[in-house]
Each structure stands twice: as C-alpha cells, then as structure tokens.
Protein backbone atom coordinates (compact mmCIF):
# COMPACT_ATOMS: atom_id res chain seq x y z
CA MET A 1 0.00 0.00 0.00
CA ASN A 2 2.85 2.43 0.76
CA ARG A 3 4.11 2.07 -2.82
CA ILE A 4 0.65 2.88 -4.20
CA ILE A 5 0.38 5.90 -1.89
CA GLY A 6 3.72 7.21 -3.20
CA ILE A 7 2.72 6.68 -6.83
CA GLU A 8 -0.67 8.38 -6.40
CA LEU A 9 0.79 11.36 -4.53
CA GLY A 10 3.39 11.69 -7.29
CA LYS A 11 0.65 11.82 -9.91
CA LEU A 12 -1.21 14.47 -7.93
CA HIS A 13 1.96 16.52 -7.60
CA ASP A 14 2.64 16.37 -11.33
CA VAL A 15 -0.94 17.21 -12.32
CA TYR A 16 -1.41 20.07 -9.86
CA PHE A 17 2.02 21.65 -9.62
CA LYS A 18 4.00 20.82 -12.74
CA LYS A 19 1.32 20.72 -15.43
CA SER A 20 -1.25 23.20 -14.09
CA LEU A 21 0.94 25.72 -12.26
CA GLY A 22 4.41 25.17 -13.66
CA ILE A 23 6.06 25.19 -10.23
CA SER A 24 7.68 22.70 -7.89
CA ALA A 25 6.49 21.86 -4.40
CA TYR A 26 6.83 19.25 -1.76
CA ILE A 27 4.40 17.56 0.55
CA ALA A 28 5.67 16.00 3.74
CA THR A 29 4.11 12.60 4.33
CA SER A 30 4.17 10.39 7.37
CA ILE A 31 3.02 6.80 7.54
CA VAL A 32 1.95 6.09 11.12
CA SER A 33 0.51 3.28 13.21
CA ARG A 34 -3.08 3.22 14.43
CA LYS A 35 -1.86 4.19 17.93
CA GLU A 36 0.15 7.16 16.61
CA MET A 37 -2.80 8.33 14.50
CA TYR A 38 -5.05 8.14 17.56
CA LYS A 39 -2.71 10.50 19.44
CA ILE A 40 -2.39 12.93 16.50
CA ASN A 41 -6.15 13.02 15.93
CA GLU A 42 -6.77 13.61 19.64
CA ILE A 43 -4.21 16.41 19.92
CA TYR A 44 -5.03 18.30 16.71
CA ARG A 45 -8.73 17.58 16.22
CA GLY A 46 -9.90 16.71 19.72
CA LYS A 47 -11.23 13.35 18.51
CA SER A 48 -10.43 10.30 20.60
CA LYS A 49 -10.18 7.81 17.76
CA SER A 50 -7.87 6.76 14.99
CA THR A 51 -8.55 7.97 11.46
CA ASP A 52 -7.32 7.11 7.98
CA ILE A 53 -5.64 10.33 6.86
CA LEU A 54 -5.07 13.87 8.13
CA SER A 55 -3.98 16.98 6.26
CA PHE A 56 -2.02 19.85 7.74
CA PRO A 57 -1.79 22.76 5.27
CA SER A 58 1.22 25.05 5.41
CA THR A 59 -1.02 28.12 5.05
CA LEU A 60 -4.02 29.23 7.09
CA THR A 61 -6.45 30.19 4.34
CA PHE A 62 -7.19 29.37 0.71
CA GLU A 63 -6.14 32.92 -0.24
CA GLU A 64 -2.76 32.49 1.48
CA HIS A 65 -2.36 29.20 -0.34
CA GLN A 66 -3.02 30.85 -3.71
CA ASN A 67 -0.68 33.75 -2.89
CA ALA A 68 2.16 31.36 -1.98
CA LEU A 69 1.74 29.57 -5.30
CA LYS A 70 1.64 32.85 -7.24
CA GLU A 71 4.78 34.02 -5.46
CA GLN A 72 6.57 30.78 -6.36
CA TYR A 73 5.46 31.10 -9.98
CA LEU A 74 6.68 34.72 -10.20
CA ASN A 75 9.98 33.83 -8.51
CA GLN A 76 10.58 31.23 -11.20
CA ILE A 77 9.76 33.61 -14.04
CA ILE A 78 11.45 36.76 -12.76
CA TYR A 79 14.37 35.47 -10.68
CA LYS A 80 14.75 31.97 -12.18
CA LYS A 81 14.37 30.53 -8.68
CA HIS A 82 13.13 26.98 -8.53
CA ASP A 83 12.88 26.46 -4.78
CA PRO A 84 9.93 24.19 -4.03
CA VAL A 85 6.94 25.49 -2.09
CA GLN A 86 6.30 23.83 1.28
CA PHE A 87 2.74 22.68 0.62
CA GLY A 88 1.83 20.90 3.84
CA HIS A 89 1.88 17.55 5.58
CA ILE A 90 -0.28 14.48 5.09
CA VAL A 91 -0.35 11.86 7.85
CA ILE A 92 -1.50 8.43 6.69
CA CYS A 93 -2.51 5.35 8.66
CA PRO A 94 -2.50 2.32 6.33
CA ASP A 95 -4.07 0.09 9.03
CA VAL A 96 -7.21 2.24 9.18
CA ILE A 97 -7.27 2.68 5.40
CA SER A 98 -7.04 -1.09 4.87
CA LYS A 99 -9.91 -1.63 7.29
CA ARG A 100 -12.09 0.97 5.50
CA ILE A 101 -11.15 -0.01 1.95
CA LYS A 102 -12.25 -3.60 1.92
CA SER A 103 -11.97 -4.76 -1.64
CA GLU A 104 -11.15 -7.99 -3.33
CA SER A 105 -9.95 -6.11 -6.41
CA GLU A 106 -6.66 -4.18 -6.50
CA ILE A 107 -8.18 -1.83 -9.10
CA VAL A 108 -11.07 -0.89 -6.79
CA MET A 109 -8.67 -0.51 -3.85
CA LYS A 110 -6.42 1.83 -5.88
CA SER A 111 -9.44 3.87 -6.98
CA LYS A 112 -10.69 4.32 -3.42
CA LEU A 113 -7.20 5.15 -2.17
CA ARG A 114 -6.75 7.68 -5.01
CA ARG A 115 -9.99 9.44 -4.02
CA LEU A 116 -8.92 9.50 -0.36
CA LEU A 117 -5.54 11.02 -1.21
CA ILE A 118 -7.15 13.61 -3.49
CA HIS A 119 -9.49 14.55 -0.65
CA ALA A 120 -6.52 14.98 1.71
CA PHE A 121 -4.63 16.93 -0.97
CA VAL A 122 -7.56 19.32 -1.47
CA HIS A 123 -7.59 19.94 2.29
CA LEU A 124 -3.94 21.04 1.91
CA CYS A 125 -5.28 23.74 -0.41
CA ASN A 126 -7.31 24.98 2.58
CA LEU A 127 -10.62 23.87 1.16
CA ASP A 128 -13.09 22.33 3.57
CA HIS A 129 -16.63 21.02 3.74
CA HIS A 130 -18.18 22.62 6.81
CA THR A 131 -20.90 24.40 4.80
CA ARG A 132 -22.79 23.37 1.69
CA VAL A 133 -21.05 26.05 -0.41
CA GLU A 134 -17.61 24.93 0.82
CA HIS A 135 -18.55 21.30 0.21
CA LEU A 136 -19.58 22.00 -3.40
CA LYS A 137 -16.42 24.02 -4.10
CA MET A 138 -14.24 21.28 -2.62
CA ARG A 139 -16.08 18.52 -4.47
CA ARG A 140 -15.70 20.31 -7.82
CA PHE A 141 -11.96 20.65 -7.25
CA GLU A 142 -11.67 16.98 -6.23
CA LEU A 143 -13.46 15.86 -9.40
CA GLU A 144 -11.26 18.14 -11.54
CA LEU A 145 -8.09 16.66 -10.01
CA LEU A 146 -9.44 13.12 -10.27
CA SER A 147 -10.16 13.62 -13.95
CA LYS A 148 -6.62 14.91 -14.60
CA VAL A 149 -4.96 12.16 -12.53
CA MET A 150 -6.97 9.47 -14.34
CA LYS A 151 -5.59 10.74 -17.69
CA LYS A 152 -1.98 10.53 -16.40
C-alpha cells in the first residue's frame, strides 16, 4: 500500500504543480501506526479515535495558499528561482485505510485510495466542507483533479 500511496501522490503533484501551475512543491508525508494516528487526531482535532488520513496545510487560508503559489510562480519567471513550495503535511494510517477499503480487487482498492488522497490533498489547499457552499467548491476541485490524474 505504501508504494501505491507514493505513486498516487506523485501523480497528484505532477498534475497540480508541474502541469497546471508550472512550479515545484513538496508535501511532507508520514506513515503512522493506528496508535500514533489516535494521538495525533486527539491532539489536533480533539477526537479520541484513529482515522485514515489527516492533512495539515502550510497556510491558514485558501487565499494564502493561492498567494504562496503565485509568489513561487513569479519567482521562477522573474528570478529563475526553482525552490519548491512547502505545501503541507499528510499523515496516513495504512491500518485504518485497509480496514475501510475492503476490496477484493486491486483496481477498486487503488481507486478508493486515489480518491482518499485527493481529498486529503484538497484539504492542503485549505478547502473544507463545513458548509454546503464549501462542500460544493471542494467537491468540484476533487473531481477536476481526479479527472486529470486518471488521464496521467
């Protein structure tokens, strides 16, 4: 599963950063145990349970996220700087994912994992789903990314 996670995150990176924005970025990822995920979820979300995946954006708002990407793009054009943008951190618990993605087919498992990673990735862009409007905006972006990743 860790190999598939790496491949799918690589595809997302290429589709979002390289092809769409023309910049480089990096996403920190941590693969943790169920026990470690429980602690992280309790500390940062106040939820006393393990979860499959958590996203920690490097910016506070969607606008800050967009400004950081614009700045990186301009730095590349004007100053020929190619320093990657720190995009955020995704914490992944394969044990919980395996329990939730019960599939006899590797193709179905990859598809569900891809959708989960895209969801986490979109959270790194500071999009959320607390309100109906936010949910619709986030869902549209997820479907756009999914479509592009599927073509890769």
